[in-house]
Structure formats: structure tokens, C-alpha cells
Amino acid sequence: METVNVSGLKNNPTEALRKARRDVVVVMNRDRPDALMVGVETVGGLSARGVKPALATALFRDGHLSLARSARLAEMPIGDFVSHLSRLGIPVVRLDANEVDRDMDTLEEWLAASS
């Protein structure tokens, strides 16, 4: 088991990640254990069937990964990943009311110019 303190994690996260690939890392905060870091490949966490698509879906849904990166993590073509999201009722494009209004204005301008 390895240890790293919070300031060491902040100053050199790469070293902590490198350690986590080899073994469990305990993150210490003021001489008390605060968190554990475990390399996902070390525990085989991503190799089970369905784990990568589920993780990619959750990360995309919560806005932590783009569509392209999520599809890559899921090991799916983008079109297949979009279909997967649609089946789950997860919107691929998220626009607020102002963005929708701007898009509609742009569409109307384009249609007027092309007539």
C-alpha cells in the first residue's frame, strides 16, 4: 500500500496516479486517511462486460465527457453511442431557451436568404 498527502497530490498528481496503477494509494489529510485511489486497470474494473459503456454514459450524462470522448471510452462508434443514449432517454444535445431562440433565429434568417 502506498500513501500520499493532499499537498503531494495537489503538487504532483501524476506521481499519485502512477502509484495507484501499482497498488492502492491512501490519501492522507493532516495525518488521517481521507481517500483511497485505486487504478481501474489494476482491479480489472473496466474489463467486465458493460462497464465501459455504463461509465461513458454516466460521464456524458453528467457533463464530464464530450460525446466523442464518451463514445471512445465506450468503445463504440459515435452513431451507435448516440443510439444508445437515445434508448436511455439521455439527450445528446442540451440547449437552454436562449440557445434555442438563437438557433431558430439563425434558421429563419437562412430560410429567408435562400428563398
PDB file of N, CA and C in Angstrom:
ATOM      1  N   MET A   1       0.840  -1.163   0.000  1.00  0.00           N
ATOM      2  CA  MET A   1       0.000   0.000   0.000  1.00  0.00           C
ATOM      3  C   MET A   1       0.895   1.240   0.000  1.00  0.00           C
ATOM      4  N   GLU A   2       0.482   2.232  -0.764  1.00  0.00           N
ATOM      5  CA  GLU A   2       1.227   3.481  -0.882  1.00  0.00           C
ATOM      6  C   GLU A   2       0.448   4.586  -0.172  1.00  0.00           C
ATOM      7  N   THR A   3       1.138   5.659   0.173  1.00  0.00           N
ATOM      8  CA  THR A   3       0.457   6.827   0.746  1.00  0.00           C
ATOM      9  C   THR A   3       0.925   8.085   0.039  1.00  0.00           C
ATOM     10  N   VAL A   4       0.059   9.066   0.037  1.00  0.00           N
ATOM     11  CA  VAL A   4       0.386  10.387  -0.484  1.00  0.00           C
ATOM     12  C   VAL A   4      -0.431  11.379   0.339  1.00  0.00           C
ATOM     13  N   ASN A   5       0.147  12.528   0.646  1.00  0.00           N
ATOM     14  CA  ASN A   5      -0.638  13.523   1.377  1.00  0.00           C
ATOM     15  C   ASN A   5      -1.336  14.441   0.380  1.00  0.00           C
ATOM     16  N   VAL A   6      -2.321  15.176   0.857  1.00  0.00           N
ATOM     17  CA  VAL A   6      -3.125  16.022  -0.019  1.00  0.00           C
ATOM     18  C   VAL A   6      -2.260  17.030  -0.766  1.00  0.00           C
ATOM     19  N   SER A   7      -1.301  17.645  -0.081  1.00  0.00           N
ATOM     20  CA  SER A   7      -0.462  18.627  -0.772  1.00  0.00           C
ATOM     21  C   SER A   7       0.390  17.952  -1.846  1.00  0.00           C
ATOM     22  N   GLY A   8       0.865  16.726  -1.567  1.00  0.00           N
ATOM     23  CA  GLY A   8       1.610  15.990  -2.582  1.00  0.00           C
ATOM     24  C   GLY A   8       0.744  15.635  -3.770  1.00  0.00           C
ATOM     25  N   LEU A   9      -0.518  15.334  -3.500  1.00  0.00           N
ATOM     26  CA  LEU A   9      -1.456  15.027  -4.576  1.00  0.00           C
ATOM     27  C   LEU A   9      -1.700  16.270  -5.430  1.00  0.00           C
ATOM     28  N   LYS A  10      -1.817  17.412  -4.776  1.00  0.00           N
ATOM     29  CA  LYS A  10      -2.044  18.661  -5.499  1.00  0.00           C
ATOM     30  C   LYS A  10      -0.813  19.055  -6.319  1.00  0.00           C
ATOM     31  N   ASN A  11       0.364  18.905  -5.736  1.00  0.00           N
ATOM     32  CA  ASN A  11       1.600  19.320  -6.394  1.00  0.00           C
ATOM     33  C   ASN A  11       2.059  18.370  -7.483  1.00  0.00           C
ATOM     34  N   ASN A  12       1.790  17.074  -7.313  1.00  0.00           N
ATOM     35  CA  ASN A  12       2.268  16.101  -8.280  1.00  0.00           C
ATOM     36  C   ASN A  12       1.244  14.974  -8.453  1.00  0.00           C
ATOM     37  N   PRO A  13       0.098  15.267  -9.093  1.00  0.00           N
ATOM     38  CA  PRO A  13      -0.921  14.233  -9.258  1.00  0.00           C
ATOM     39  C   PRO A  13      -0.448  13.057 -10.112  1.00  0.00           C
ATOM     40  N   THR A  14       0.477  13.309 -11.018  1.00  0.00           N
ATOM     41  CA  THR A  14       0.981  12.235 -11.878  1.00  0.00           C
ATOM     42  C   THR A  14       1.642  11.139 -11.067  1.00  0.00           C
ATOM     43  N   GLU A  15       2.400  11.524 -10.067  1.00  0.00           N
ATOM     44  CA  GLU A  15       3.060  10.527  -9.226  1.00  0.00           C
ATOM     45  C   GLU A  15       2.038   9.692  -8.466  1.00  0.00           C
ATOM     46  N   ALA A  16       1.000  10.327  -7.950  1.00  0.00           N
ATOM     47  CA  ALA A  16      -0.044   9.591  -7.236  1.00  0.00           C
ATOM     48  C   ALA A  16      -0.758   8.622  -8.169  1.00  0.00           C
ATOM     49  N   LEU A  17      -1.035   9.054  -9.395  1.00  0.00           N
ATOM     50  CA  LEU A  17      -1.671   8.160 -10.367  1.00  0.00           C
ATOM     51  C   LEU A  17      -0.763   6.994 -10.732  1.00  0.00           C
ATOM     52  N   ARG A  18       0.522   7.274 -10.870  1.00  0.00           N
ATOM     53  CA  ARG A  18       1.485   6.220 -11.168  1.00  0.00           C
ATOM     54  C   ARG A  18       1.487   5.186 -10.041  1.00  0.00           C
ATOM     55  N   LYS A  19       1.468   5.660  -8.813  1.00  0.00           N
ATOM     56  CA  LYS A  19       1.423   4.752  -7.657  1.00  0.00           C
ATOM     57  C   LYS A  19       0.128   3.940  -7.652  1.00  0.00           C
ATOM     58  N   ALA A  20      -0.992   4.587  -7.999  1.00  0.00           N
ATOM     59  CA  ALA A  20      -2.285   3.907  -7.994  1.00  0.00           C
ATOM     60  C   ALA A  20      -2.360   2.806  -9.049  1.00  0.00           C
ATOM     61  N   ARG A  21      -1.563   2.914 -10.086  1.00  0.00           N
ATOM     62  CA  ARG A  21      -1.536   1.849 -11.095  1.00  0.00           C
ATOM     63  C   ARG A  21      -0.856   0.596 -10.558  1.00  0.00           C
ATOM     64  N   ARG A  22       0.006   0.789  -9.558  1.00  0.00           N
ATOM     65  CA  ARG A  22       0.735  -0.345  -8.979  1.00  0.00           C
ATOM     66  C   ARG A  22       0.035  -0.932  -7.760  1.00  0.00           C
ATOM     67  N   ASP A  23      -0.607  -0.078  -6.965  1.00  0.00           N
ATOM     68  CA  ASP A  23      -1.148  -0.526  -5.688  1.00  0.00           C
ATOM     69  C   ASP A  23      -2.192   0.481  -5.213  1.00  0.00           C
ATOM     70  N   VAL A  24      -2.869   0.142  -4.141  1.00  0.00           N
ATOM     71  CA  VAL A  24      -3.820   1.067  -3.525  1.00  0.00           C
ATOM     72  C   VAL A  24      -3.039   2.221  -2.903  1.00  0.00           C
ATOM     73  N   VAL A  25      -3.543   3.439  -3.099  1.00  0.00           N
ATOM     74  CA  VAL A  25      -2.911   4.624  -2.528  1.00  0.00           C
ATOM     75  C   VAL A  25      -3.871   5.236  -1.512  1.00  0.00           C
ATOM     76  N   VAL A  26      -3.389   5.445  -0.309  1.00  0.00           N
ATOM     77  CA  VAL A  26      -4.164   6.114   0.725  1.00  0.00           C
ATOM     78  C   VAL A  26      -3.785   7.586   0.695  1.00  0.00           C
ATOM     79  N   VAL A  27      -4.790   8.442   0.531  1.00  0.00           N
ATOM     80  CA  VAL A  27      -4.552   9.886   0.533  1.00  0.00           C
ATOM     81  C   VAL A  27      -4.741  10.365   1.970  1.00  0.00           C
ATOM     82  N   MET A  28      -3.676  10.936   2.503  1.00  0.00           N
ATOM     83  CA  MET A  28      -3.679  11.398   3.887  1.00  0.00           C
ATOM     84  C   MET A  28      -3.967  12.891   3.936  1.00  0.00           C
ATOM     85  N   ASN A  29      -4.800  13.290   4.882  1.00  0.00           N
ATOM     86  CA  ASN A  29      -5.128  14.691   5.104  1.00  0.00           C
ATOM     87  C   ASN A  29      -4.899  14.980   6.578  1.00  0.00           C
ATOM     88  N   ARG A  30      -3.838  15.728   6.881  1.00  0.00           N
ATOM     89  CA  ARG A  30      -3.468  16.037   8.263  1.00  0.00           C
ATOM     90  C   ARG A  30      -3.301  14.770   9.099  1.00  0.00           C
ATOM     91  N   ASP A  31      -2.533  13.858   8.579  1.00  0.00           N
ATOM     92  CA  ASP A  31      -2.200  12.598   9.255  1.00  0.00           C
ATOM     93  C   ASP A  31      -3.391  11.672   9.477  1.00  0.00           C
ATOM     94  N   ARG A  32      -4.457  11.894   8.714  1.00  0.00           N
ATOM     95  CA  ARG A  32      -5.612  10.997   8.791  1.00  0.00           C
ATOM     96  C   ARG A  32      -5.950  10.524   7.383  1.00  0.00           C
ATOM     97  N   PRO A  33      -6.284   9.253   7.224  1.00  0.00           N
ATOM     98  CA  PRO A  33      -6.694   8.774   5.898  1.00  0.00           C
ATOM     99  C   PRO A  33      -7.969   9.491   5.456  1.00  0.00           C
ATOM    100  N   ASP A  34      -7.956   9.987   4.225  1.00  0.00           N
ATOM    101  CA  ASP A  34      -9.091  10.756   3.722  1.00  0.00           C
ATOM    102  C   ASP A  34      -9.734  10.106   2.506  1.00  0.00           C
ATOM    103  N   ALA A  35      -8.933   9.429   1.688  1.00  0.00           N
ATOM    104  CA  ALA A  35      -9.467   8.844   0.465  1.00  0.00           C
ATOM    105  C   ALA A  35      -8.557   7.707   0.015  1.00  0.00           C
ATOM    106  N   LEU A  36      -9.101   6.891  -0.872  1.00  0.00           N
ATOM    107  CA  LEU A  36      -8.322   5.820  -1.499  1.00  0.00           C
ATOM    108  C   LEU A  36      -8.289   6.053  -2.995  1.00  0.00           C
ATOM    109  N   MET A  37      -7.150   5.775  -3.587  1.00  0.00           N
ATOM    110  CA  MET A  37      -7.024   5.799  -5.041  1.00  0.00           C
ATOM    111  C   MET A  37      -6.668   4.384  -5.476  1.00  0.00           C
ATOM    112  N   VAL A  38      -7.434   3.885  -6.433  1.00  0.00           N
ATOM    113  CA  VAL A  38      -7.187   2.546  -6.950  1.00  0.00           C
ATOM    114  C   VAL A  38      -7.192   2.629  -8.466  1.00  0.00           C
ATOM    115  N   GLY A  39      -6.155   2.135  -9.097  1.00  0.00           N
ATOM    116  CA  GLY A  39      -6.103   2.121 -10.558  1.00  0.00           C
ATOM    117  C   GLY A  39      -7.153   1.167 -11.104  1.00  0.00           C
ATOM    118  N   VAL A  40      -7.988   1.642 -12.009  1.00  0.00           N
ATOM    119  CA  VAL A  40      -9.073   0.806 -12.524  1.00  0.00           C
ATOM    120  C   VAL A  40      -8.551  -0.409 -13.285  1.00  0.00           C
ATOM    121  N   GLU A  41      -7.432  -0.264 -13.947  1.00  0.00           N
ATOM    122  CA  GLU A  41      -6.873  -1.414 -14.655  1.00  0.00           C
ATOM    123  C   GLU A  41      -6.312  -2.440 -13.671  1.00  0.00           C
ATOM    124  N   THR A  42      -5.809  -1.951 -12.543  1.00  0.00           N
ATOM    125  CA  THR A  42      -5.246  -2.843 -11.529  1.00  0.00           C
ATOM    126  C   THR A  42      -6.303  -3.795 -10.992  1.00  0.00           C
ATOM    127  N   VAL A  43      -7.496  -3.293 -10.745  1.00  0.00           N
ATOM    128  CA  VAL A  43      -8.562  -4.130 -10.187  1.00  0.00           C
ATOM    129  C   VAL A  43      -9.425  -4.760 -11.269  1.00  0.00           C
ATOM    130  N   GLY A  44      -9.097  -4.484 -12.521  1.00  0.00           N
ATOM    131  CA  GLY A  44      -9.871  -5.061 -13.615  1.00  0.00           C
ATOM    132  C   GLY A  44     -11.274  -4.478 -13.710  1.00  0.00           C
ATOM    133  N   GLY A  45     -11.452  -3.286 -13.181  1.00  0.00           N
ATOM    134  CA  GLY A  45     -12.768  -2.672 -13.111  1.00  0.00           C
ATOM    135  C   GLY A  45     -13.401  -2.332 -14.437  1.00  0.00           C
ATOM    136  N   LEU A  46     -12.605  -2.109 -15.467  1.00  0.00           N
ATOM    137  CA  LEU A  46     -13.185  -1.742 -16.757  1.00  0.00           C
ATOM    138  C   LEU A  46     -13.312  -2.914 -17.713  1.00  0.00           C
ATOM    139  N   SER A  47     -12.843  -4.077 -17.300  1.00  0.00           N
ATOM    140  CA  SER A  47     -12.846  -5.206 -18.226  1.00  0.00           C
ATOM    141  C   SER A  47     -14.155  -5.994 -18.215  1.00  0.00           C
ATOM    142  N   ALA A  48     -14.959  -5.850 -17.187  1.00  0.00           N
ATOM    143  CA  ALA A  48     -16.229  -6.578 -17.141  1.00  0.00           C
ATOM    144  C   ALA A  48     -17.164  -6.038 -18.216  1.00  0.00           C
ATOM    145  N   ARG A  49     -17.952  -6.931 -18.787  1.00  0.00           N
ATOM    146  CA  ARG A  49     -18.852  -6.575 -19.883  1.00  0.00           C
ATOM    147  C   ARG A  49     -19.827  -5.485 -19.435  1.00  0.00           C
ATOM    148  N   GLY A  50     -19.935  -4.431 -20.227  1.00  0.00           N
ATOM    149  CA  GLY A  50     -20.895  -3.373 -19.986  1.00  0.00           C
ATOM    150  C   GLY A  50     -20.408  -2.242 -19.101  1.00  0.00           C
ATOM    151  N   VAL A  51     -19.245  -2.419 -18.476  1.00  0.00           N
ATOM    152  CA  VAL A  51     -18.760  -1.385 -17.560  1.00  0.00           C
ATOM    153  C   VAL A  51     -18.344  -0.123 -18.310  1.00  0.00           C
ATOM    154  N   LYS A  52     -17.601  -0.277 -19.394  1.00  0.00           N
ATOM    155  CA  LYS A  52     -17.150   0.911 -20.132  1.00  0.00           C
ATOM    156  C   LYS A  52     -18.320   1.705 -20.709  1.00  0.00           C
ATOM    157  N   PRO A  53     -19.304   1.047 -21.359  1.00  0.00           N
ATOM    158  CA  PRO A  53     -20.445   1.831 -21.841  1.00  0.00           C
ATOM    159  C   PRO A  53     -21.222   2.508 -20.702  1.00  0.00           C
ATOM    160  N   ALA A  54     -21.366   1.824 -19.580  1.00  0.00           N
ATOM    161  CA  ALA A  54     -22.095   2.418 -18.452  1.00  0.00           C
ATOM    162  C   ALA A  54     -21.346   3.623 -17.888  1.00  0.00           C
ATOM    163  N   LEU A  55     -20.042   3.492 -17.749  1.00  0.00           N
ATOM    164  CA  LEU A  55     -19.236   4.591 -17.236  1.00  0.00           C
ATOM    165  C   LEU A  55     -19.266   5.765 -18.212  1.00  0.00           C
ATOM    166  N   ALA A  56     -19.101   5.478 -19.496  1.00  0.00           N
ATOM    167  CA  ALA A  56     -19.124   6.535 -20.515  1.00  0.00           C
ATOM    168  C   ALA A  56     -20.477   7.241 -20.534  1.00  0.00           C
ATOM    169  N   THR A  57     -21.549   6.481 -20.394  1.00  0.00           N
ATOM    170  CA  THR A  57     -22.896   7.049 -20.383  1.00  0.00           C
ATOM    171  C   THR A  57     -23.074   7.992 -19.200  1.00  0.00           C
ATOM    172  N   ALA A  58     -22.663   7.550 -18.022  1.00  0.00           N
ATOM    173  CA  ALA A  58     -22.805   8.383 -16.823  1.00  0.00           C
ATOM    174  C   ALA A  58     -21.955   9.644 -16.919  1.00  0.00           C
ATOM    175  N   LEU A  59     -20.737   9.507 -17.413  1.00  0.00           N
ATOM    176  CA  LEU A  59     -19.861  10.679 -17.533  1.00  0.00           C
ATOM    177  C   LEU A  59     -20.396  11.676 -18.557  1.00  0.00           C
ATOM    178  N   PHE A  60     -20.968  11.182 -19.652  1.00  0.00           N
ATOM    179  CA  PHE A  60     -21.563  12.077 -20.644  1.00  0.00           C
ATOM    180  C   PHE A  60     -22.816  12.741 -20.080  1.00  0.00           C
ATOM    181  N   ARG A  61     -23.690  11.939 -19.473  1.00  0.00           N
ATOM    182  CA  ARG A  61     -24.948  12.457 -18.918  1.00  0.00           C
ATOM    183  C   ARG A  61     -24.700  13.576 -17.912  1.00  0.00           C
ATOM    184  N   ASP A  62     -23.654  13.418 -17.108  1.00  0.00           N
ATOM    185  CA  ASP A  62     -23.358  14.397 -16.065  1.00  0.00           C
ATOM    186  C   ASP A  62     -22.484  15.549 -16.559  1.00  0.00           C
ATOM    187  N   GLY A  63     -22.153  15.548 -17.863  1.00  0.00           N
ATOM    188  CA  GLY A  63     -21.417  16.659 -18.452  1.00  0.00           C
ATOM    189  C   GLY A  63     -19.915  16.629 -18.217  1.00  0.00           C
ATOM    190  N   HIS A  64     -19.365  15.468 -17.853  1.00  0.00           N
ATOM    191  CA  HIS A  64     -17.927  15.379 -17.586  1.00  0.00           C
ATOM    192  C   HIS A  64     -17.108  14.985 -18.807  1.00  0.00           C
ATOM    193  N   LEU A  65     -17.752  14.371 -19.807  1.00  0.00           N
ATOM    194  CA  LEU A  65     -17.060  13.992 -21.037  1.00  0.00           C
ATOM    195  C   LEU A  65     -17.876  14.429 -22.235  1.00  0.00           C
ATOM    196  N   SER A  66     -17.185  14.770 -23.307  1.00  0.00           N
ATOM    197  CA  SER A  66     -17.869  15.110 -24.551  1.00  0.00           C
ATOM    198  C   SER A  66     -18.448  13.843 -25.182  1.00  0.00           C
ATOM    199  N   LEU A  67     -19.268  14.050 -26.181  1.00  0.00           N
ATOM    200  CA  LEU A  67     -19.858  12.921 -26.892  1.00  0.00           C
ATOM    201  C   LEU A  67     -18.771  12.045 -27.513  1.00  0.00           C
ATOM    202  N   ALA A  68     -17.804  12.656 -28.182  1.00  0.00           N
ATOM    203  CA  ALA A  68     -16.749  11.890 -28.856  1.00  0.00           C
ATOM    204  C   ALA A  68     -15.908  11.107 -27.848  1.00  0.00           C
ATOM    205  N   ARG A  69     -15.519  11.734 -26.756  1.00  0.00           N
ATOM    206  CA  ARG A  69     -14.704  11.035 -25.754  1.00  0.00           C
ATOM    207  C   ARG A  69     -15.497   9.927 -25.068  1.00  0.00           C
ATOM    208  N   SER A  70     -16.780  10.169 -24.844  1.00  0.00           N
ATOM    209  CA  SER A  70     -17.620   9.144 -24.235  1.00  0.00           C
ATOM    210  C   SER A  70     -17.748   7.928 -25.149  1.00  0.00           C
ATOM    211  N   ALA A  71     -17.960   8.191 -26.432  1.00  0.00           N
ATOM    212  CA  ALA A  71     -18.064   7.084 -27.389  1.00  0.00           C
ATOM    213  C   ALA A  71     -16.761   6.300 -27.443  1.00  0.00           C
ATOM    214  N   ARG A  72     -15.636   7.015 -27.392  1.00  0.00           N
ATOM    215  CA  ARG A  72     -14.335   6.348 -27.412  1.00  0.00           C
ATOM    216  C   ARG A  72     -14.159   5.476 -26.165  1.00  0.00           C
ATOM    217  N   LEU A  73     -14.528   6.011 -24.985  1.00  0.00           N
ATOM    218  CA  LEU A  73     -14.435   5.233 -23.756  1.00  0.00           C
ATOM    219  C   LEU A  73     -15.327   3.998 -23.823  1.00  0.00           C
ATOM    220  N   ALA A  74     -16.519   4.164 -24.384  1.00  0.00           N
ATOM    221  CA  ALA A  74     -17.457   3.048 -24.509  1.00  0.00           C
ATOM    222  C   ALA A  74     -17.030   2.052 -25.585  1.00  0.00           C
ATOM    223  N   GLU A  75     -16.016   2.434 -26.367  1.00  0.00           N
ATOM    224  CA  GLU A  75     -15.540   1.617 -27.494  1.00  0.00           C
ATOM    225  C   GLU A  75     -16.653   1.356 -28.498  1.00  0.00           C
ATOM    226  N   MET A  76     -17.372   2.469 -28.815  1.00  0.00           N
ATOM    227  CA  MET A  76     -18.476   2.405 -29.760  1.00  0.00           C
ATOM    228  C   MET A  76     -18.307   3.523 -30.790  1.00  0.00           C
ATOM    229  N   PRO A  77     -18.734   3.282 -32.034  1.00  0.00           N
ATOM    230  CA  PRO A  77     -18.790   4.389 -32.984  1.00  0.00           C
ATOM    231  C   PRO A  77     -19.758   5.456 -32.452  1.00  0.00           C
ATOM    232  N   ILE A  78     -19.527   6.710 -32.806  1.00  0.00           N
ATOM    233  CA  ILE A  78     -20.355   7.793 -32.277  1.00  0.00           C
ATOM    234  C   ILE A  78     -21.839   7.568 -32.570  1.00  0.00           C
ATOM    235  N   GLY A  79     -22.153   7.135 -33.784  1.00  0.00           N
ATOM    236  CA  GLY A  79     -23.551   6.897 -34.137  1.00  0.00           C
ATOM    237  C   GLY A  79     -24.200   5.853 -33.244  1.00  0.00           C
ATOM    238  N   ASP A  80     -23.479   4.788 -32.954  1.00  0.00           N
ATOM    239  CA  ASP A  80     -24.006   3.744 -32.064  1.00  0.00           C
ATOM    240  C   ASP A  80     -24.163   4.272 -30.641  1.00  0.00           C
ATOM    241  N   PHE A  81     -23.225   5.116 -30.209  1.00  0.00           N
ATOM    242  CA  PHE A  81     -23.317   5.669 -28.868  1.00  0.00           C
ATOM    243  C   PHE A  81     -24.504   6.623 -28.773  1.00  0.00           C
ATOM    244  N   VAL A  82     -24.752   7.410 -29.821  1.00  0.00           N
ATOM    245  CA  VAL A  82     -25.920   8.299 -29.853  1.00  0.00           C
ATOM    246  C   VAL A  82     -27.201   7.471 -29.754  1.00  0.00           C
ATOM    247  N   SER A  83     -27.272   6.377 -30.489  1.00  0.00           N
ATOM    248  CA  SER A  83     -28.452   5.497 -30.416  1.00  0.00           C
ATOM    249  C   SER A  83     -28.613   4.924 -29.013  1.00  0.00           C
ATOM    250  N   HIS A  84     -27.502   4.531 -28.414  1.00  0.00           N
ATOM    251  CA  HIS A  84     -27.500   4.007 -27.047  1.00  0.00           C
ATOM    252  C   HIS A  84     -28.068   5.054 -26.083  1.00  0.00           C
ATOM    253  N   LEU A  85     -27.597   6.312 -26.203  1.00  0.00           N
ATOM    254  CA  LEU A  85     -28.095   7.381 -25.343  1.00  0.00           C
ATOM    255  C   LEU A  85     -29.583   7.616 -25.572  1.00  0.00           C
ATOM    256  N   SER A  86     -29.997   7.586 -26.820  1.00  0.00           N
ATOM    257  CA  SER A  86     -31.410   7.812 -27.147  1.00  0.00           C
ATOM    258  C   SER A  86     -32.296   6.744 -26.520  1.00  0.00           C
ATOM    259  N   ARG A  87     -31.850   5.486 -26.585  1.00  0.00           N
ATOM    260  CA  ARG A  87     -32.626   4.400 -25.964  1.00  0.00           C
ATOM    261  C   ARG A  87     -32.785   4.610 -24.466  1.00  0.00           C
ATOM    262  N   LEU A  88     -31.803   5.252 -23.855  1.00  0.00           N
ATOM    263  CA  LEU A  88     -31.843   5.504 -22.417  1.00  0.00           C
ATOM    264  C   LEU A  88     -32.546   6.821 -22.070  1.00  0.00           C
ATOM    265  N   GLY A  89     -32.963   7.571 -23.101  1.00  0.00           N
ATOM    266  CA  GLY A  89     -33.639   8.841 -22.864  1.00  0.00           C
ATOM    267  C   GLY A  89     -32.709   9.968 -22.449  1.00  0.00           C
ATOM    268  N   ILE A  90     -31.435   9.834 -22.797  1.00  0.00           N
ATOM    269  CA  ILE A  90     -30.447  10.869 -22.460  1.00  0.00           C
ATOM    270  C   ILE A  90     -30.266  11.770 -23.673  1.00  0.00           C
ATOM    271  N   PRO A  91     -30.542  13.065 -23.531  1.00  0.00           N
ATOM    272  CA  PRO A  91     -30.400  13.962 -24.682  1.00  0.00           C
ATOM    273  C   PRO A  91     -28.942  14.119 -25.098  1.00  0.00           C
ATOM    274  N   VAL A  92     -28.733  14.087 -26.389  1.00  0.00           N
ATOM    275  CA  VAL A  92     -27.386  14.246 -26.933  1.00  0.00           C
ATOM    276  C   VAL A  92     -27.031  15.726 -27.038  1.00  0.00           C
ATOM    277  N   VAL A  93     -28.011  16.547 -27.339  1.00  0.00           N
ATOM    278  CA  VAL A  93     -27.820  17.984 -27.447  1.00  0.00           C
ATOM    279  C   VAL A  93     -28.637  18.642 -26.344  1.00  0.00           C
ATOM    280  N   ARG A  94     -27.962  19.457 -25.562  1.00  0.00           N
ATOM    281  CA  ARG A  94     -28.648  20.167 -24.472  1.00  0.00           C
ATOM    282  C   ARG A  94     -28.547  21.662 -24.734  1.00  0.00           C
ATOM    283  N   LEU A  95     -29.694  22.270 -24.963  1.00  0.00           N
ATOM    284  CA  LEU A  95     -29.723  23.710 -25.208  1.00  0.00           C
ATOM    285  C   LEU A  95     -30.667  24.360 -24.204  1.00  0.00           C
ATOM    286  N   ASP A  96     -30.302  25.543 -23.750  1.00  0.00           N
ATOM    287  CA  ASP A  96     -31.242  26.289 -22.913  1.00  0.00           C
ATOM    288  C   ASP A  96     -32.148  27.105 -23.838  1.00  0.00           C
ATOM    289  N   ALA A  97     -33.135  27.783 -23.268  1.00  0.00           N
ATOM    290  CA  ALA A  97     -34.124  28.511 -24.060  1.00  0.00           C
ATOM    291  C   ALA A  97     -33.483  29.591 -24.936  1.00  0.00           C
ATOM    292  N   ASN A  98     -32.473  30.269 -24.420  1.00  0.00           N
ATOM    293  CA  ASN A  98     -31.800  31.316 -25.203  1.00  0.00           C
ATOM    294  C   ASN A  98     -31.091  30.733 -26.414  1.00  0.00           C
ATOM    295  N   GLU A  99     -30.435  29.594 -26.221  1.00  0.00           N
ATOM    296  CA  GLU A  99     -29.735  28.950 -27.341  1.00  0.00           C
ATOM    297  C   GLU A  99     -30.727  28.478 -28.399  1.00  0.00           C
ATOM    298  N   VAL A 100     -31.868  27.951 -27.968  1.00  0.00           N
ATOM    299  CA  VAL A 100     -32.895  27.515 -28.913  1.00  0.00           C
ATOM    300  C   VAL A 100     -33.411  28.715 -29.703  1.00  0.00           C
ATOM    301  N   ASP A 101     -33.669  29.825 -29.008  1.00  0.00           N
ATOM    302  CA  ASP A 101     -34.139  31.032 -29.695  1.00  0.00           C
ATOM    303  C   ASP A 101     -33.128  31.513 -30.733  1.00  0.00           C
ATOM    304  N   ARG A 102     -31.837  31.534 -30.364  1.00  0.00           N
ATOM    305  CA  ARG A 102     -30.797  31.959 -31.309  1.00  0.00           C
ATOM    306  C   ARG A 102     -30.743  31.019 -32.509  1.00  0.00           C
ATOM    307  N   ASP A 103     -30.841  29.716 -32.251  1.00  0.00           N
ATOM    308  CA  ASP A 103     -30.819  28.754 -33.358  1.00  0.00           C
ATOM    309  C   ASP A 103     -32.028  28.942 -34.279  1.00  0.00           C
ATOM    310  N   MET A 104     -33.183  29.198 -33.700  1.00  0.00           N
ATOM    311  CA  MET A 104     -34.382  29.413 -34.520  1.00  0.00           C
ATOM    312  C   MET A 104     -34.250  30.695 -35.341  1.00  0.00           C
ATOM    313  N   ASP A 105     -33.687  31.753 -34.737  1.00  0.00           N
ATOM    314  CA  ASP A 105     -33.460  32.998 -35.485  1.00  0.00           C
ATOM    315  C   ASP A 105     -32.508  32.747 -36.655  1.00  0.00           C
ATOM    316  N   THR A 106     -31.449  32.013 -36.398  1.00  0.00           N
ATOM    317  CA  THR A 106     -30.483  31.691 -37.453  1.00  0.00           C
ATOM    318  C   THR A 106     -31.148  30.891 -38.565  1.00  0.00           C
ATOM    319  N   LEU A 107     -31.969  29.919 -38.195  1.00  0.00           N
ATOM    320  CA  LEU A 107     -32.685  29.117 -39.192  1.00  0.00           C
ATOM    321  C   LEU A 107     -33.614  29.985 -40.025  1.00  0.00           C
ATOM    322  N   GLU A 108     -34.353  30.852 -39.362  1.00  0.00           N
ATOM    323  CA  GLU A 108     -35.293  31.726 -40.094  1.00  0.00           C
ATOM    324  C   GLU A 108     -34.557  32.661 -41.047  1.00  0.00           C
ATOM    325  N   GLU A 109     -33.388  33.206 -40.611  1.00  0.00           N
ATOM    326  CA  GLU A 109     -32.579  34.052 -41.484  1.00  0.00           C
ATOM    327  C   GLU A 109     -32.082  33.265 -42.684  1.00  0.00           C
ATOM    328  N   TRP A 110     -31.631  32.066 -42.442  1.00  0.00           N
ATOM    329  CA  TRP A 110     -31.124  31.216 -43.525  1.00  0.00           C
ATOM    330  C   TRP A 110     -32.224  30.877 -44.520  1.00  0.00           C
ATOM    331  N   LEU A 111     -33.404  30.532 -43.996  1.00  0.00           N
ATOM    332  CA  LEU A 111     -34.527  30.205 -44.882  1.00  0.00           C
ATOM    333  C   LEU A 111     -34.958  31.423 -45.702  1.00  0.00           C
ATOM    334  N   ALA A 112     -34.972  32.602 -45.070  1.00  0.00           N
ATOM    335  CA  ALA A 112     -35.351  33.825 -45.786  1.00  0.00           C
ATOM    336  C   ALA A 112     -34.330  34.149 -46.882  1.00  0.00           C
ATOM    337  N   ALA A 113     -33.064  33.921 -46.595  1.00  0.00           N
ATOM    338  CA  ALA A 113     -31.998  34.240 -47.562  1.00  0.00           C
ATOM    339  C   ALA A 113     -31.989  33.238 -48.714  1.00  0.00           C
ATOM    340  N   SER A 114     -32.452  32.026 -48.475  1.00  0.00           N
ATOM    341  CA  SER A 114     -32.379  31.005 -49.522  1.00  0.00           C
ATOM    342  C   SER A 114     -33.661  30.965 -50.375  1.00  0.00           C
ATOM    343  N   SER A 115     -34.644  31.815 -50.066  1.00  0.00           N
ATOM    344  CA  SER A 115     -35.895  31.827 -50.847  1.00  0.00           C
ATOM    345  C   SER A 115     -35.777  32.643 -52.101  1.00  0.00           C
TER     346      SER A 115
END
